[in-house]
Amino acid sequence: MATVTVTDATFESEVLQSDVPVIVDFWAEWCGPCKMIAPHLDAISEEMADKVKIVKVDVDNNQQTAQALRIMSMPTLVAFKDGQPVAQKVGAGSKTDLSNWISSAI
């Protein structure tokens, strides 16, 4: 399953009410490092589809969610389990780094 785009309106149903752990990628169109990790997250989403859901939130168009979670830097990844944030990673990384962080977070 490829990454899913989530908005302020769908955040609760897609993330907080999810039956599986969710990694939320808070990103912005102008953010270079965000674009660097996007293909890694798409690949990880495919590889780990049975364990985790990876979603993307564009902070410029969905400021309510970003502000509620105090997201200040892009990219920021937040792991949610049972509707609660359990881990956070700020900044870009290699596919291996991201995969390892996701595995440890969920």
C-alpha atoms as a PDB file:
ATOM      1  CA  MET A   1       0.000   0.000   0.000  1.00  0.00           C
ATOM      2  CA  ALA A   2       1.449   3.369  -0.984  1.00  0.00           C
ATOM      3  CA  THR A   3       1.453   6.312   1.374  1.00  0.00           C
ATOM      4  CA  VAL A   4      -1.949   7.929   1.908  1.00  0.00           C
ATOM      5  CA  THR A   5      -2.579  11.684   1.955  1.00  0.00           C
ATOM      6  CA  VAL A   6      -4.324  12.803   5.148  1.00  0.00           C
ATOM      7  CA  THR A   7      -5.921  16.186   5.866  1.00  0.00           C
ATOM      8  CA  ASP A   8      -7.104  17.945   9.014  1.00  0.00           C
ATOM      9  CA  ALA A   9     -10.569  16.563   8.179  1.00  0.00           C
ATOM     10  CA  THR A  10      -9.428  12.924   7.836  1.00  0.00           C
ATOM     11  CA  PHE A  11      -6.672  12.809  10.478  1.00  0.00           C
ATOM     12  CA  GLU A  12      -8.893  11.386  13.207  1.00  0.00           C
ATOM     13  CA  SER A  13     -10.349   8.573  11.088  1.00  0.00           C
ATOM     14  CA  GLU A  14      -7.105   7.691   9.235  1.00  0.00           C
ATOM     15  CA  VAL A  15      -4.653   8.019  12.145  1.00  0.00           C
ATOM     16  CA  LEU A  16      -6.253   8.226  15.580  1.00  0.00           C
ATOM     17  CA  GLN A  17      -8.851   5.505  14.903  1.00  0.00           C
ATOM     18  CA  SER A  18      -6.541   3.204  12.926  1.00  0.00           C
ATOM     19  CA  ASP A  19      -6.378  -0.471  13.925  1.00  0.00           C
ATOM     20  CA  VAL A  20      -2.692  -0.612  12.943  1.00  0.00           C
ATOM     21  CA  PRO A  21       0.235   1.634  13.912  1.00  0.00           C
ATOM     22  CA  VAL A  22       0.510   4.742  11.730  1.00  0.00           C
ATOM     23  CA  ILE A  23       3.561   6.759  10.720  1.00  0.00           C
ATOM     24  CA  VAL A  24       2.627  10.343   9.870  1.00  0.00           C
ATOM     25  CA  ASP A  25       5.019  12.229   7.591  1.00  0.00           C
ATOM     26  CA  PHE A  26       4.558  15.964   8.184  1.00  0.00           C
ATOM     27  CA  TRP A  27       5.969  17.598   5.058  1.00  0.00           C
ATOM     28  CA  ALA A  28       5.772  20.689   2.860  1.00  0.00           C
ATOM     29  CA  GLU A  29       6.071  21.235  -0.898  1.00  0.00           C
ATOM     30  CA  TRP A  30       8.997  23.659  -0.412  1.00  0.00           C
ATOM     31  CA  CYS A  31      10.947  21.228   1.815  1.00  0.00           C
ATOM     32  CA  GLY A  32      13.879  19.591  -0.010  1.00  0.00           C
ATOM     33  CA  PRO A  33      14.590  16.907   2.638  1.00  0.00           C
ATOM     34  CA  CYS A  34      10.866  16.003   2.585  1.00  0.00           C
ATOM     35  CA  LYS A  35      11.112  15.238  -1.120  1.00  0.00           C
ATOM     36  CA  MET A  36      14.292  13.206  -0.515  1.00  0.00           C
ATOM     37  CA  ILE A  37      12.604  10.803   1.929  1.00  0.00           C
ATOM     38  CA  ALA A  38       9.287  10.476   0.040  1.00  0.00           C
ATOM     39  CA  PRO A  39      10.476   7.598  -2.207  1.00  0.00           C
ATOM     40  CA  HIS A  40      11.939   5.814   0.849  1.00  0.00           C
ATOM     41  CA  LEU A  41       8.637   6.093   2.706  1.00  0.00           C
ATOM     42  CA  ASP A  42       6.719   4.851  -0.351  1.00  0.00           C
ATOM     43  CA  ALA A  43       9.009   1.800  -0.556  1.00  0.00           C
ATOM     44  CA  ILE A  44       8.806   1.117   3.190  1.00  0.00           C
ATOM     45  CA  SER A  45       5.020   1.460   3.003  1.00  0.00           C
ATOM     46  CA  GLU A  46       4.963  -1.331   0.409  1.00  0.00           C
ATOM     47  CA  GLU A  47       7.435  -3.538   2.325  1.00  0.00           C
ATOM     48  CA  MET A  48       5.741  -3.133   5.722  1.00  0.00           C
ATOM     49  CA  ALA A  49       2.121  -2.911   4.530  1.00  0.00           C
ATOM     50  CA  ASP A  50       1.057  -5.726   6.870  1.00  0.00           C
ATOM     51  CA  LYS A  51       2.529  -3.980   9.954  1.00  0.00           C
ATOM     52  CA  VAL A  52       2.084  -0.231   9.550  1.00  0.00           C
ATOM     53  CA  LYS A  53       0.239   2.472   7.603  1.00  0.00           C
ATOM     54  CA  ILE A  54       2.279   5.449   6.386  1.00  0.00           C
ATOM     55  CA  VAL A  55       0.432   8.705   5.717  1.00  0.00           C
ATOM     56  CA  LYS A  56       1.451  12.194   4.646  1.00  0.00           C
ATOM     57  CA  VAL A  57       0.192  15.525   5.992  1.00  0.00           C
ATOM     58  CA  ASP A  58       1.018  18.685   4.011  1.00  0.00           C
ATOM     59  CA  VAL A  59       1.558  21.198   6.827  1.00  0.00           C
ATOM     60  CA  ASP A  60       0.885  24.237   4.634  1.00  0.00           C
ATOM     61  CA  ASN A  61      -2.621  22.986   3.799  1.00  0.00           C
ATOM     62  CA  ASN A  62      -3.359  21.296   7.136  1.00  0.00           C
ATOM     63  CA  GLN A  63      -2.080  23.663   9.793  1.00  0.00           C
ATOM     64  CA  GLN A  64      -4.582  22.631  12.456  1.00  0.00           C
ATOM     65  CA  THR A  65      -3.117  19.127  12.833  1.00  0.00           C
ATOM     66  CA  ALA A  66       0.492  20.342  12.653  1.00  0.00           C
ATOM     67  CA  GLN A  67      -0.149  23.006  15.301  1.00  0.00           C
ATOM     68  CA  ALA A  68      -1.998  20.600  17.601  1.00  0.00           C
ATOM     69  CA  LEU A  69       1.042  18.280  17.564  1.00  0.00           C
ATOM     70  CA  ARG A  70       3.519  21.185  17.778  1.00  0.00           C
ATOM     71  CA  ILE A  71       5.257  20.257  14.518  1.00  0.00           C
ATOM     72  CA  MET A  72       7.975  22.890  13.985  1.00  0.00           C
ATOM     73  CA  SER A  73      10.431  21.332  11.509  1.00  0.00           C
ATOM     74  CA  MET A  74      10.050  19.456   8.245  1.00  0.00           C
ATOM     75  CA  PRO A  75      10.174  16.617   7.744  1.00  0.00           C
ATOM     76  CA  THR A  76       8.860  15.318  11.044  1.00  0.00           C
ATOM     77  CA  LEU A  77       7.709  11.720  11.353  1.00  0.00           C
ATOM     78  CA  VAL A  78       5.373  10.804  14.210  1.00  0.00           C
ATOM     79  CA  ALA A  79       4.484   7.219  15.082  1.00  0.00           C
ATOM     80  CA  PHE A  80       0.967   6.649  16.428  1.00  0.00           C
ATOM     81  CA  LYS A  81      -0.159   3.502  18.207  1.00  0.00           C
ATOM     82  CA  ASP A  82      -3.720   3.121  19.500  1.00  0.00           C
ATOM     83  CA  GLY A  83      -4.383   6.776  18.672  1.00  0.00           C
ATOM     84  CA  GLN A  84      -1.452   8.096  20.700  1.00  0.00           C
ATOM     85  CA  PRO A  85       1.888   9.526  19.511  1.00  0.00           C
ATOM     86  CA  VAL A  86       4.616   7.145  20.722  1.00  0.00           C
ATOM     87  CA  ALA A  87       7.741   8.297  18.867  1.00  0.00           C
ATOM     88  CA  GLN A  88       8.970  11.215  16.779  1.00  0.00           C
ATOM     89  CA  LYS A  89      11.838  11.690  14.320  1.00  0.00           C
ATOM     90  CA  VAL A  90      12.846  15.059  12.880  1.00  0.00           C
ATOM     91  CA  GLY A  91      14.849  15.358   9.674  1.00  0.00           C
ATOM     92  CA  ALA A  92      15.696  13.225   6.687  1.00  0.00           C
ATOM     93  CA  GLY A  93      17.495   9.889   6.712  1.00  0.00           C
ATOM     94  CA  SER A  94      18.422   6.993   4.527  1.00  0.00           C
ATOM     95  CA  LYS A  95      15.887   4.293   3.738  1.00  0.00           C
ATOM     96  CA  THR A  96      17.659   2.018   6.244  1.00  0.00           C
ATOM     97  CA  ASP A  97      17.548   4.705   8.960  1.00  0.00           C
ATOM     98  CA  LEU A  98      13.847   5.316   8.360  1.00  0.00           C
ATOM     99  CA  SER A  99      13.011   1.627   8.227  1.00  0.00           C
ATOM    100  CA  ASN A 100      14.901   0.940  11.463  1.00  0.00           C
ATOM    101  CA  TRP A 101      13.208   3.876  13.224  1.00  0.00           C
ATOM    102  CA  ILE A 102       9.758   2.737  12.078  1.00  0.00           C
ATOM    103  CA  SER A 103      10.429  -0.830  13.205  1.00  0.00           C
ATOM    104  CA  SER A 104      11.541   0.310  16.658  1.00  0.00           C
ATOM    105  CA  ALA A 105       8.647   2.786  16.965  1.00  0.00           C
ATOM    106  CA  ILE A 106       5.897   0.274  16.232  1.00  0.00           C
END
